[in-house]
Amino acid sequence: MTNSKNSKEIYEFAEKIALDDFDKIEEKHEFSHTYTRKKKLFMEEMKLKNRQPQKKRKRHRMLIAAACLLIGMPTTVFGAVKVYNMIVKKQNYEVNVSVTNKGSKKADKWYKLKIDKLPENMEAIDDSAMKYSFKDNDAKGRFSFALRRVGENTDFQTLYSKSYEEKEINGRKAVIVHKETGNNNVMFDRKVFLFFEKEGIMLESYIGSDVNEEQMMDVLGSISLEPTSKEKASHIVDYDENRFSKADEPKETKVIPLKKDSKRLFHIGQKVPVTITMDDSQVEYVIEKVEVFDSIKDFKKENFYEMGLGILSRNQALDQAGQLLPYRRDEYKLGNGKDSIDRLVDSKLVHPKFVYLTTTVKNIGKKSTEEIYMHPSIKLLKSEGNAWNYAEKDGIAEKNIMTGEVDYLEPHGDGKSFYNIGSIRPGETVKVNLGYFVDEDKLDSIFLDAFRYSGFSGTENMNAKNRWWIDIRQ
């Protein structure tokens, strides 16, 4: 009897909700997919069981049934507050992912990025385990990750965007942005935002152009954030809206050109006294000879850095016998990524050359050096009165085979330490052979920017004491 009475009271209460409040409740709350599906099935069942001619009576009973469902729902559905709101907008070539946080910032929680599934033969290429590439070619198949702690109002901007799609990956909201630069010379052709709502952290993922869709989804679907201590956590950027918006604004970089009579400018055969900034080691560097070749067949393949060979291969500028072949070099007018993308303005057939340097490094100090990383870069300079300045044209970019970095090194280290030539004892001289791929029409503009281990902020002074320039023009 008690059960009957309780059932009657529940029914009456459900009837009241159905008649008076249900429509209002439905407008104010966003229900889960599970509840919505359950409600639909229940109401369909009611339709089959209760086919009555009176329309009002039919609606009455259907609403009662739906109200009964509401009574059985956990109260947390009504009490829960939607903490985060994510909106995606695209305008021209710009995609903005905006996240609004109505709750408190979770600044005291720390996490370690964990990836359970990587493509075969892929490994981390930095100590932070936030960048990954294939073991046999670290210029291909890349993943690069960044963690951002979401603030009160956070905007994530992507320029040079072609399209985007919103998805759920392993139960988490995701936005996949497909990039379009206009020149097809892009290392990362997709950017994925994966939101860890519970942790209040957005994962920005940069996906290499050689990573296929299946590999991308496998990796992203296997990612988790494991709680840990601050000391063991992955690097998490505390998102500051003002700081990031200012950082996105283009900054004008000033350059003080290299004077033609600068004490920082040297020539082939001249002894170059160098202080290595990392350990204050004193070395003497000499470029003894510069040679130019049309083929690399007589050079040991293991001494070539894979990235340079990969670029030659993709541009069909190297045959199986090691002969360098003419390739098409494209020149683009750069867009701003918002309203415009890069536009092809010139294209010409050019012949690449292999520039080979025979050099020596002598320790003239009283102690052994630390391990020396030998990666002097080649820069193109143009004459401007009594000085040399960078030859790049404002707003113009070239798609060419020149990496600017060391393409050939003997001796060299292994794997990630390719540029490591080891330590040099006091008084010891080490012979170091370097090679660079250079377009034939650029040979009269090449300078070596040697032993530069630090950057600059604001203004770049090409005559600074920590710069050593060597004229190797041919």
Protein backbone atom coordinates (compact mmCIF):
# COMPACT_ATOMS: atom_id res chain seq x y z
CA MET A 1 0.00 0.00 0.00
CA THR A 2 2.88 2.27 0.80
CA ASN A 3 4.46 1.63 -2.59
CA SER A 4 1.16 2.44 -4.28
CA LYS A 5 0.81 5.66 -2.32
CA ASN A 6 4.38 6.71 -3.09
CA SER A 7 3.87 5.95 -6.76
CA LYS A 8 0.72 8.08 -6.80
CA GLU A 9 2.50 11.00 -5.11
CA ILE A 10 5.42 10.77 -7.56
CA TYR A 11 2.97 10.65 -10.46
CA GLU A 12 1.09 13.72 -9.20
CA PHE A 13 4.33 15.61 -8.63
CA ALA A 14 5.52 14.64 -12.09
CA GLU A 15 2.21 15.82 -13.56
CA LYS A 16 2.65 19.20 -11.90
CA ILE A 17 6.18 19.57 -13.30
CA ALA A 18 4.95 18.50 -16.73
CA LEU A 19 2.08 20.96 -16.86
CA ASP A 20 3.69 23.96 -15.16
CA ASP A 21 7.47 23.92 -15.43
CA PHE A 22 8.86 21.51 -17.98
CA ASP A 23 9.03 23.87 -20.97
CA LYS A 24 10.80 26.53 -18.90
CA ILE A 25 13.32 24.04 -17.53
CA GLU A 26 14.06 22.77 -21.00
CA GLU A 27 14.90 26.27 -22.18
CA LYS A 28 17.27 27.04 -19.33
CA HIS A 29 19.41 23.89 -19.21
CA GLU A 30 21.69 22.11 -21.63
CA PHE A 31 21.32 18.35 -21.03
CA SER A 32 23.85 15.64 -21.79
CA HIS A 33 23.59 13.51 -24.95
CA THR A 34 22.80 10.48 -22.73
CA TYR A 35 19.84 12.18 -21.09
CA THR A 36 18.53 13.60 -24.37
CA ARG A 37 18.68 10.18 -26.01
CA LYS A 38 17.00 8.57 -22.99
CA LYS A 39 14.21 11.14 -23.00
CA LYS A 40 13.61 10.64 -26.73
CA LEU A 41 13.38 6.84 -26.42
CA PHE A 42 11.08 7.09 -23.41
CA MET A 43 8.74 9.51 -25.16
CA GLU A 44 8.67 7.38 -28.32
CA GLU A 45 7.65 4.44 -26.16
CA MET A 46 4.86 6.53 -24.62
CA LYS A 47 3.60 7.40 -28.08
CA LEU A 48 3.29 3.72 -29.00
CA LYS A 49 1.59 2.70 -25.76
CA ASN A 50 -0.78 5.62 -25.44
CA ARG A 51 -2.27 6.42 -28.83
CA GLN A 52 -5.37 8.46 -27.85
CA PRO A 53 -7.52 10.65 -30.11
CA GLN A 54 -7.48 13.57 -27.69
CA LYS A 55 -4.36 15.62 -28.56
CA LYS A 56 -4.33 17.42 -25.24
CA ARG A 57 -4.47 14.16 -23.29
CA LYS A 58 -1.66 12.69 -25.38
CA ARG A 59 0.64 15.68 -24.77
CA HIS A 60 -0.33 15.61 -21.10
CA ARG A 61 0.88 12.03 -20.59
CA MET A 62 4.03 12.54 -22.64
CA LEU A 63 5.05 15.48 -20.52
CA ILE A 64 4.34 13.51 -17.35
CA ALA A 65 6.64 10.76 -18.60
CA ALA A 66 9.40 13.23 -19.39
CA ALA A 67 8.96 14.81 -15.97
CA CYS A 68 9.33 11.38 -14.33
CA LEU A 69 12.67 11.13 -16.06
CA LEU A 70 13.68 14.46 -14.58
CA ILE A 71 12.84 13.25 -11.10
CA GLY A 72 15.17 10.30 -11.62
CA MET A 73 18.04 12.55 -12.78
CA PRO A 74 20.87 13.44 -10.39
CA THR A 75 20.43 16.91 -8.92
CA THR A 76 23.93 17.81 -10.14
CA VAL A 77 22.55 18.24 -13.65
CA PHE A 78 20.56 21.23 -12.52
CA GLY A 79 23.12 22.48 -10.03
CA ALA A 80 26.16 22.26 -12.32
CA VAL A 81 27.55 25.46 -13.75
CA LYS A 82 29.22 25.40 -17.16
CA VAL A 83 32.71 26.63 -16.23
CA TYR A 84 34.23 26.95 -19.71
CA ASN A 85 32.76 28.22 -22.94
CA MET A 86 34.69 27.76 -26.20
CA ILE A 87 33.84 29.69 -29.38
CA VAL A 88 35.60 29.33 -32.74
CA LYS A 89 35.50 32.09 -35.35
CA LYS A 90 37.17 32.42 -38.75
CA GLN A 91 37.66 35.67 -40.60
CA ASN A 92 39.54 35.59 -43.90
CA TYR A 93 42.73 33.63 -43.09
CA GLU A 94 42.57 34.03 -39.31
CA VAL A 95 41.02 31.52 -36.90
CA ASN A 96 40.41 32.49 -33.28
CA VAL A 97 39.59 29.97 -30.56
CA SER A 98 38.17 31.91 -27.60
CA VAL A 99 37.83 30.28 -24.19
CA THR A 100 35.90 31.96 -21.38
CA ASN A 101 36.53 30.73 -17.85
CA LYS A 102 33.77 31.42 -15.30
CA GLY A 103 35.58 29.54 -12.54
CA SER A 104 38.83 30.13 -10.72
CA LYS A 105 42.18 29.78 -12.47
CA LYS A 106 43.82 26.42 -11.66
CA ALA A 107 47.30 27.84 -11.23
CA ASP A 108 48.42 25.52 -8.42
CA LYS A 109 48.12 22.27 -10.40
CA TRP A 110 51.00 20.80 -12.37
CA TYR A 111 50.97 18.13 -15.05
CA LYS A 112 53.26 15.99 -17.18
CA LEU A 113 52.37 15.54 -20.85
CA LYS A 114 52.06 11.83 -21.57
CA ILE A 115 51.78 10.28 -25.04
CA ASP A 116 50.89 6.58 -25.12
CA LYS A 117 51.01 6.05 -28.88
CA LEU A 118 53.64 7.35 -31.29
CA PRO A 119 54.18 6.40 -34.94
CA GLU A 120 56.80 3.71 -35.46
CA ASN A 121 60.39 4.98 -35.41
CA MET A 122 59.44 8.34 -33.86
CA GLU A 123 61.16 9.75 -30.77
CA ALA A 124 61.45 12.90 -28.68
CA ILE A 125 64.04 15.31 -30.11
CA ASP A 126 64.40 17.55 -27.05
CA ASP A 127 64.82 17.00 -23.32
CA SER A 128 61.37 18.36 -22.51
CA ALA A 129 59.66 15.61 -24.57
CA MET A 130 57.47 18.26 -26.21
CA LYS A 131 58.89 17.82 -29.72
CA TYR A 132 58.96 14.58 -31.71
CA SER A 133 60.31 13.45 -35.06
CA PHE A 134 61.30 10.30 -36.93
CA LYS A 135 64.69 8.91 -35.96
CA ASP A 136 66.00 8.67 -39.51
CA ASN A 137 65.01 12.22 -40.50
CA ASP A 138 64.19 14.87 -37.92
CA ALA A 139 63.02 17.26 -40.67
CA LYS A 140 60.01 15.04 -41.38
CA GLY A 141 56.92 13.89 -39.54
CA ARG A 142 57.13 16.34 -36.71
CA PHE A 143 54.92 16.92 -33.69
CA SER A 144 55.47 19.94 -31.49
CA PHE A 145 53.41 20.64 -28.37
CA ALA A 146 52.81 23.60 -26.07
CA LEU A 147 50.69 23.73 -22.90
CA ARG A 148 48.79 26.93 -22.02
CA ARG A 149 46.98 27.50 -18.76
CA VAL A 150 43.66 29.17 -19.58
CA GLY A 151 42.90 32.54 -17.99
CA GLU A 152 39.59 34.34 -17.57
CA ASN A 153 39.32 35.25 -21.25
CA THR A 154 41.78 33.51 -23.54
CA ASP A 155 42.11 33.86 -27.31
CA PHE A 156 44.22 31.44 -29.34
CA GLN A 157 45.05 32.85 -32.76
CA THR A 158 46.10 30.98 -35.90
CA LEU A 159 47.13 32.88 -39.03
CA TYR A 160 47.39 31.53 -42.59
CA SER A 161 44.34 29.32 -42.03
CA LYS A 162 42.45 27.60 -44.83
CA SER A 163 39.70 25.91 -42.80
CA TYR A 164 38.93 24.39 -39.44
CA GLU A 165 36.84 21.60 -37.98
CA GLU A 166 35.55 21.07 -34.46
CA LYS A 167 35.82 17.54 -33.10
CA GLU A 168 35.87 15.48 -29.97
CA ILE A 169 39.09 13.55 -29.45
CA ASN A 170 38.98 11.01 -26.65
CA GLY A 171 36.07 12.92 -25.08
CA ARG A 172 37.81 16.30 -25.24
CA LYS A 173 36.91 19.33 -27.34
CA ALA A 174 39.28 19.87 -30.22
CA VAL A 175 39.69 22.33 -33.06
CA ILE A 176 41.78 21.25 -36.06
CA VAL A 177 43.00 24.19 -38.14
CA HIS A 178 44.29 23.47 -41.66
CA LYS A 179 46.95 25.93 -42.75
CA GLU A 180 47.47 27.62 -46.10
CA THR A 181 50.52 29.81 -46.61
CA GLY A 182 50.23 30.16 -50.38
CA ASN A 183 53.73 28.78 -51.04
CA ASN A 184 53.45 25.10 -50.02
CA ASN A 185 56.70 25.54 -48.09
CA VAL A 186 55.35 24.90 -44.62
CA MET A 187 56.78 22.50 -42.05
CA PHE A 188 53.56 22.33 -39.98
CA ASP A 189 50.40 22.29 -42.10
CA ARG A 190 47.93 21.73 -39.23
CA LYS A 191 47.46 23.17 -35.78
CA VAL A 192 45.25 21.39 -33.26
CA PHE A 193 43.82 22.85 -30.06
CA LEU A 194 42.94 20.10 -27.58
CA PHE A 195 41.20 21.35 -24.43
CA PHE A 196 41.71 19.62 -21.10
CA GLU A 197 38.72 21.18 -19.36
CA LYS A 198 39.18 19.54 -15.96
CA GLU A 199 42.78 20.76 -15.78
CA GLY A 200 42.04 24.18 -17.33
CA ILE A 201 44.80 23.70 -19.90
CA MET A 202 44.84 24.05 -23.66
CA LEU A 203 47.25 21.85 -25.59
CA GLU A 204 48.47 23.46 -28.82
CA SER A 205 49.73 20.83 -31.24
CA TYR A 206 51.70 21.62 -34.37
CA ILE A 207 51.45 18.78 -36.91
CA GLY A 208 54.12 18.18 -39.55
CA SER A 209 53.08 18.09 -43.19
CA ASP A 210 54.40 14.52 -43.53
CA VAL A 211 52.19 13.22 -40.70
CA ASN A 212 49.08 11.54 -42.10
CA GLU A 213 45.58 11.83 -40.65
CA GLU A 214 45.61 8.42 -38.97
CA GLN A 215 48.96 9.07 -37.26
CA MET A 216 47.76 12.46 -36.07
CA MET A 217 44.54 11.13 -34.56
CA ASP A 218 46.33 8.19 -32.93
CA VAL A 219 48.80 10.49 -31.21
CA LEU A 220 46.25 13.11 -30.13
CA GLY A 221 43.86 10.43 -28.88
CA SER A 222 46.57 8.93 -26.67
CA ILE A 223 47.59 12.17 -24.96
CA SER A 224 46.88 12.70 -21.28
CA LEU A 225 48.02 15.06 -18.52
CA GLU A 226 49.33 13.29 -15.45
CA PRO A 227 49.32 15.21 -12.14
CA THR A 228 52.85 15.71 -10.81
CA SER A 229 55.05 18.15 -8.91
CA LYS A 230 56.10 21.53 -10.28
CA GLU A 231 59.68 20.27 -10.62
CA LYS A 232 58.71 17.27 -12.75
CA ALA A 233 55.95 18.98 -14.74
CA SER A 234 56.03 19.75 -18.45
CA HIS A 235 56.52 23.41 -19.27
CA ILE A 236 53.16 25.17 -18.89
CA VAL A 237 52.77 28.78 -20.00
CA ASP A 238 50.53 30.81 -17.74
CA TYR A 239 48.39 32.54 -20.33
CA ASP A 240 48.38 36.30 -19.86
CA GLU A 241 46.09 37.93 -22.41
CA ASN A 242 47.88 41.29 -22.42
CA ARG A 243 51.33 39.74 -22.66
CA PHE A 244 50.36 37.47 -25.53
CA SER A 245 48.53 40.14 -27.48
CA LYS A 246 51.56 42.40 -27.23
CA ALA A 247 53.86 39.56 -28.25
CA ASP A 248 51.76 38.96 -31.37
CA GLU A 249 52.24 42.52 -32.53
CA PRO A 250 54.99 42.82 -35.18
CA LYS A 251 58.14 44.33 -33.78
CA GLU A 252 60.56 46.26 -35.91
CA THR A 253 64.02 44.70 -35.69
CA LYS A 254 66.85 47.16 -36.08
CA VAL A 255 70.18 46.10 -37.55
CA ILE A 256 73.50 47.91 -37.30
CA PRO A 257 75.29 46.82 -40.52
CA LEU A 258 78.74 45.27 -40.54
CA LYS A 259 81.33 47.95 -41.33
CA LYS A 260 83.67 47.03 -44.15
CA ASP A 261 86.63 47.93 -41.91
CA SER A 262 85.13 46.28 -38.81
CA LYS A 263 87.45 44.40 -36.47
CA ARG A 264 84.83 41.63 -36.48
CA LEU A 265 85.32 40.95 -40.23
CA PHE A 266 87.97 38.43 -41.34
CA HIS A 267 89.08 36.75 -44.57
CA ILE A 268 90.15 33.33 -45.91
CA GLY A 269 93.55 32.34 -44.47
CA GLN A 270 93.39 34.86 -41.64
CA LYS A 271 93.66 33.75 -37.99
CA VAL A 272 90.45 34.49 -36.14
CA PRO A 273 90.81 34.75 -32.32
CA VAL A 274 87.58 33.49 -30.77
CA THR A 275 86.33 33.44 -27.19
CA ILE A 276 83.68 30.73 -26.84
CA THR A 277 81.04 32.30 -24.61
CA MET A 278 79.87 29.11 -22.87
CA ASP A 279 83.16 28.43 -21.04
CA ASP A 280 85.38 31.39 -22.04
CA SER A 281 87.66 29.03 -23.99
CA GLN A 282 90.22 30.70 -26.25
CA VAL A 283 90.52 29.21 -29.74
CA GLU A 284 92.04 30.25 -33.04
CA TYR A 285 89.96 29.59 -36.13
CA VAL A 286 91.29 29.58 -39.69
CA ILE A 287 89.50 28.96 -42.99
CA GLU A 288 92.37 27.59 -45.04
CA LYS A 289 90.56 26.91 -48.31
CA VAL A 290 87.15 27.27 -50.00
CA GLU A 291 86.16 25.04 -52.93
CA VAL A 292 83.00 24.80 -55.03
CA PHE A 293 81.68 21.51 -56.45
CA ASP A 294 78.88 20.45 -58.84
CA SER A 295 78.66 16.98 -57.29
CA ILE A 296 78.85 15.38 -53.85
CA LYS A 297 79.67 11.85 -55.07
CA ASP A 298 83.21 11.98 -53.64
CA PHE A 299 82.08 12.98 -50.15
CA LYS A 300 81.08 10.53 -47.42
CA LYS A 301 77.31 10.42 -47.08
CA GLU A 302 77.45 9.90 -43.29
CA ASN A 303 78.98 13.37 -42.91
CA PHE A 304 75.93 15.07 -44.44
CA TYR A 305 73.18 16.37 -42.18
CA GLU A 306 69.96 14.70 -43.32
CA MET A 307 67.88 17.90 -43.54
CA GLY A 308 69.97 19.41 -46.37
CA LEU A 309 69.84 16.23 -48.43
CA GLY A 310 66.09 16.01 -47.81
CA ILE A 311 65.52 19.52 -49.18
CA LEU A 312 67.58 18.74 -52.27
CA SER A 313 65.59 15.55 -52.81
CA ARG A 314 62.21 17.27 -52.45
CA ASN A 315 63.30 19.88 -55.00
CA GLN A 316 64.65 17.16 -57.35
CA ALA A 317 68.03 18.91 -57.23
CA LEU A 318 70.14 15.77 -56.61
CA ASP A 319 70.33 12.58 -58.66
CA GLN A 320 71.23 9.06 -57.54
CA ALA A 321 74.86 9.53 -58.60
CA GLY A 322 75.27 12.59 -56.35
CA GLN A 323 75.14 15.16 -59.15
CA LEU A 324 73.54 18.48 -58.28
CA LEU A 325 70.73 19.40 -60.71
CA PRO A 326 69.04 22.69 -61.61
CA TYR A 327 65.80 23.31 -59.70
CA ARG A 328 63.07 25.93 -59.75
CA ARG A 329 63.44 28.65 -57.13
CA ASP A 330 60.26 30.52 -56.29
CA GLU A 331 59.97 34.02 -54.89
CA TYR A 332 56.92 35.13 -52.91
CA LYS A 333 55.47 38.38 -51.72
CA LEU A 334 54.59 37.74 -48.09
CA GLY A 335 51.04 38.13 -46.82
CA ASN A 336 50.11 39.13 -43.28
CA GLY A 337 48.28 35.86 -42.56
CA LYS A 338 45.03 37.67 -41.70
CA ASP A 339 43.78 39.31 -44.88
CA SER A 340 46.32 37.89 -47.32
CA ILE A 341 48.61 34.91 -47.84
CA ASP A 342 51.89 34.63 -49.73
CA ARG A 343 51.77 35.25 -53.47
CA LEU A 344 54.17 33.95 -56.13
CA VAL A 345 55.91 36.88 -57.90
CA ASP A 346 58.89 35.22 -59.60
CA SER A 347 60.21 31.77 -60.50
CA LYS A 348 63.52 30.85 -62.11
CA LEU A 349 65.70 27.83 -62.81
CA VAL A 350 68.93 27.92 -60.77
CA HIS A 351 71.85 25.56 -60.26
CA PRO A 352 72.89 24.57 -56.71
CA LYS A 353 76.55 24.22 -55.74
CA PHE A 354 78.35 22.51 -52.87
CA VAL A 355 80.66 24.94 -51.05
CA TYR A 356 83.38 23.04 -49.17
CA LEU A 357 85.49 24.66 -46.45
CA THR A 358 88.75 23.27 -45.06
CA THR A 359 89.23 24.81 -41.61
CA THR A 360 91.19 24.36 -38.38
CA VAL A 361 90.35 25.05 -34.74
CA LYS A 362 93.30 25.44 -32.30
CA ASN A 363 92.99 25.70 -28.54
CA ILE A 364 95.24 28.64 -27.60
CA GLY A 365 94.05 28.67 -23.98
CA LYS A 366 95.50 27.00 -20.88
CA LYS A 367 92.64 24.57 -20.29
CA SER A 368 90.67 22.07 -22.34
CA THR A 369 87.57 23.40 -23.99
CA GLU A 370 84.16 22.04 -23.23
CA GLU A 371 82.51 20.15 -26.08
CA ILE A 372 82.39 22.49 -29.06
CA TYR A 373 79.27 22.62 -31.22
CA MET A 374 80.39 23.58 -34.70
CA HIS A 375 77.49 25.19 -36.54
CA PRO A 376 78.64 28.42 -38.23
CA SER A 377 75.87 29.60 -40.53
CA ILE A 378 76.09 31.09 -44.00
CA LYS A 379 74.54 34.54 -44.45
CA LEU A 380 73.91 36.48 -47.66
CA LEU A 381 75.16 40.07 -47.37
CA LYS A 382 74.89 42.99 -49.78
CA SER A 383 77.04 46.11 -50.04
CA GLU A 384 75.54 49.34 -48.71
CA GLY A 385 78.10 52.12 -48.95
CA ASN A 386 80.81 51.44 -46.38
CA ALA A 387 79.01 48.49 -44.80
CA TRP A 388 77.56 45.01 -45.39
CA ASN A 389 73.91 44.34 -44.59
CA TYR A 390 71.55 41.39 -44.93
CA ALA A 391 70.56 40.82 -48.57
CA GLU A 392 66.93 39.86 -47.94
CA LYS A 393 64.28 42.03 -49.56
CA ASP A 394 61.58 43.43 -47.29
CA GLY A 395 58.33 41.51 -47.64
CA ILE A 396 59.86 38.94 -50.01
CA ALA A 397 60.72 35.30 -49.30
CA GLU A 398 62.40 32.66 -51.42
CA LYS A 399 61.72 28.95 -51.51
CA ASN A 400 65.23 27.60 -52.10
CA ILE A 401 67.54 24.73 -51.18
CA MET A 402 69.73 26.79 -48.83
CA THR A 403 69.34 25.82 -45.17
CA GLY A 404 71.91 28.41 -44.06
CA GLU A 405 73.14 25.81 -41.58
CA VAL A 406 76.02 23.32 -41.82
CA ASP A 407 75.02 20.68 -44.38
CA TYR A 408 78.28 18.70 -44.12
CA LEU A 409 80.54 18.27 -41.09
CA GLU A 410 83.67 16.19 -40.50
CA PRO A 411 84.23 15.21 -37.73
CA HIS A 412 80.76 15.23 -36.19
CA GLY A 413 78.77 13.74 -33.34
CA ASP A 414 75.88 11.29 -33.41
CA GLY A 415 72.12 11.91 -33.59
CA LYS A 416 71.05 15.06 -31.79
CA SER A 417 74.71 15.90 -31.14
CA PHE A 418 75.61 15.95 -34.85
CA TYR A 419 77.36 19.34 -34.55
CA ASN A 420 79.45 18.25 -31.54
CA ILE A 421 83.14 17.97 -32.52
CA GLY A 422 84.21 17.22 -28.96
CA SER A 423 86.67 18.85 -26.56
CA ILE A 424 90.08 20.25 -27.60
CA ARG A 425 93.13 20.07 -25.33
CA PRO A 426 95.46 23.07 -24.79
CA GLY A 427 97.72 23.51 -27.83
CA GLU A 428 95.78 20.93 -29.89
CA THR A 429 94.66 21.73 -33.44
CA VAL A 430 91.64 19.96 -34.93
CA LYS A 431 90.90 19.91 -38.67
CA VAL A 432 87.23 20.55 -39.37
CA ASN A 433 85.68 20.28 -42.84
CA LEU A 434 82.40 22.10 -43.47
CA GLY A 435 80.00 22.07 -46.42
CA TYR A 436 77.01 24.15 -47.53
CA PHE A 437 74.53 23.96 -50.41
CA VAL A 438 74.34 27.38 -52.10
CA ASP A 439 72.59 28.66 -55.22
CA GLU A 440 75.11 29.50 -57.94
CA ASP A 441 73.95 33.13 -58.27
CA LYS A 442 74.47 33.65 -54.49
CA LEU A 443 78.13 32.61 -54.38
CA ASP A 444 79.29 36.23 -54.59
CA SER A 445 77.28 37.16 -51.45
CA ILE A 446 78.20 34.48 -48.87
CA PHE A 447 79.73 35.28 -45.46
CA LEU A 448 80.27 32.91 -42.55
CA ASP A 449 78.68 33.89 -39.21
CA ALA A 450 80.93 31.81 -36.92
CA PHE A 451 80.84 30.79 -33.24
CA ARG A 452 77.60 32.63 -32.55
CA TYR A 453 75.96 30.95 -29.57
CA SER A 454 73.70 33.76 -28.32
CA GLY A 455 70.87 35.79 -29.77
CA PHE A 456 70.02 39.45 -29.48
CA SER A 457 67.17 41.55 -28.19
CA GLY A 458 65.84 44.65 -29.93
CA THR A 459 68.80 45.82 -32.02
CA GLU A 460 71.26 43.49 -33.73
CA ASN A 461 74.77 44.89 -33.92
CA MET A 462 76.69 42.97 -36.58
CA ASN A 463 79.90 44.51 -35.18
CA ALA A 464 79.37 43.23 -31.61
CA LYS A 465 82.27 41.63 -29.71
CA ASN A 466 80.60 38.21 -29.75
CA ARG A 467 80.39 38.15 -33.57
CA TRP A 468 82.99 36.76 -35.98
CA TRP A 469 82.31 37.28 -39.69
CA ILE A 470 84.42 35.65 -42.41
CA ASP A 471 84.22 36.72 -46.05
CA ILE A 472 84.07 33.54 -48.17
CA ARG A 473 82.62 35.04 -51.36
CA GLN A 474 83.40 33.18 -54.60
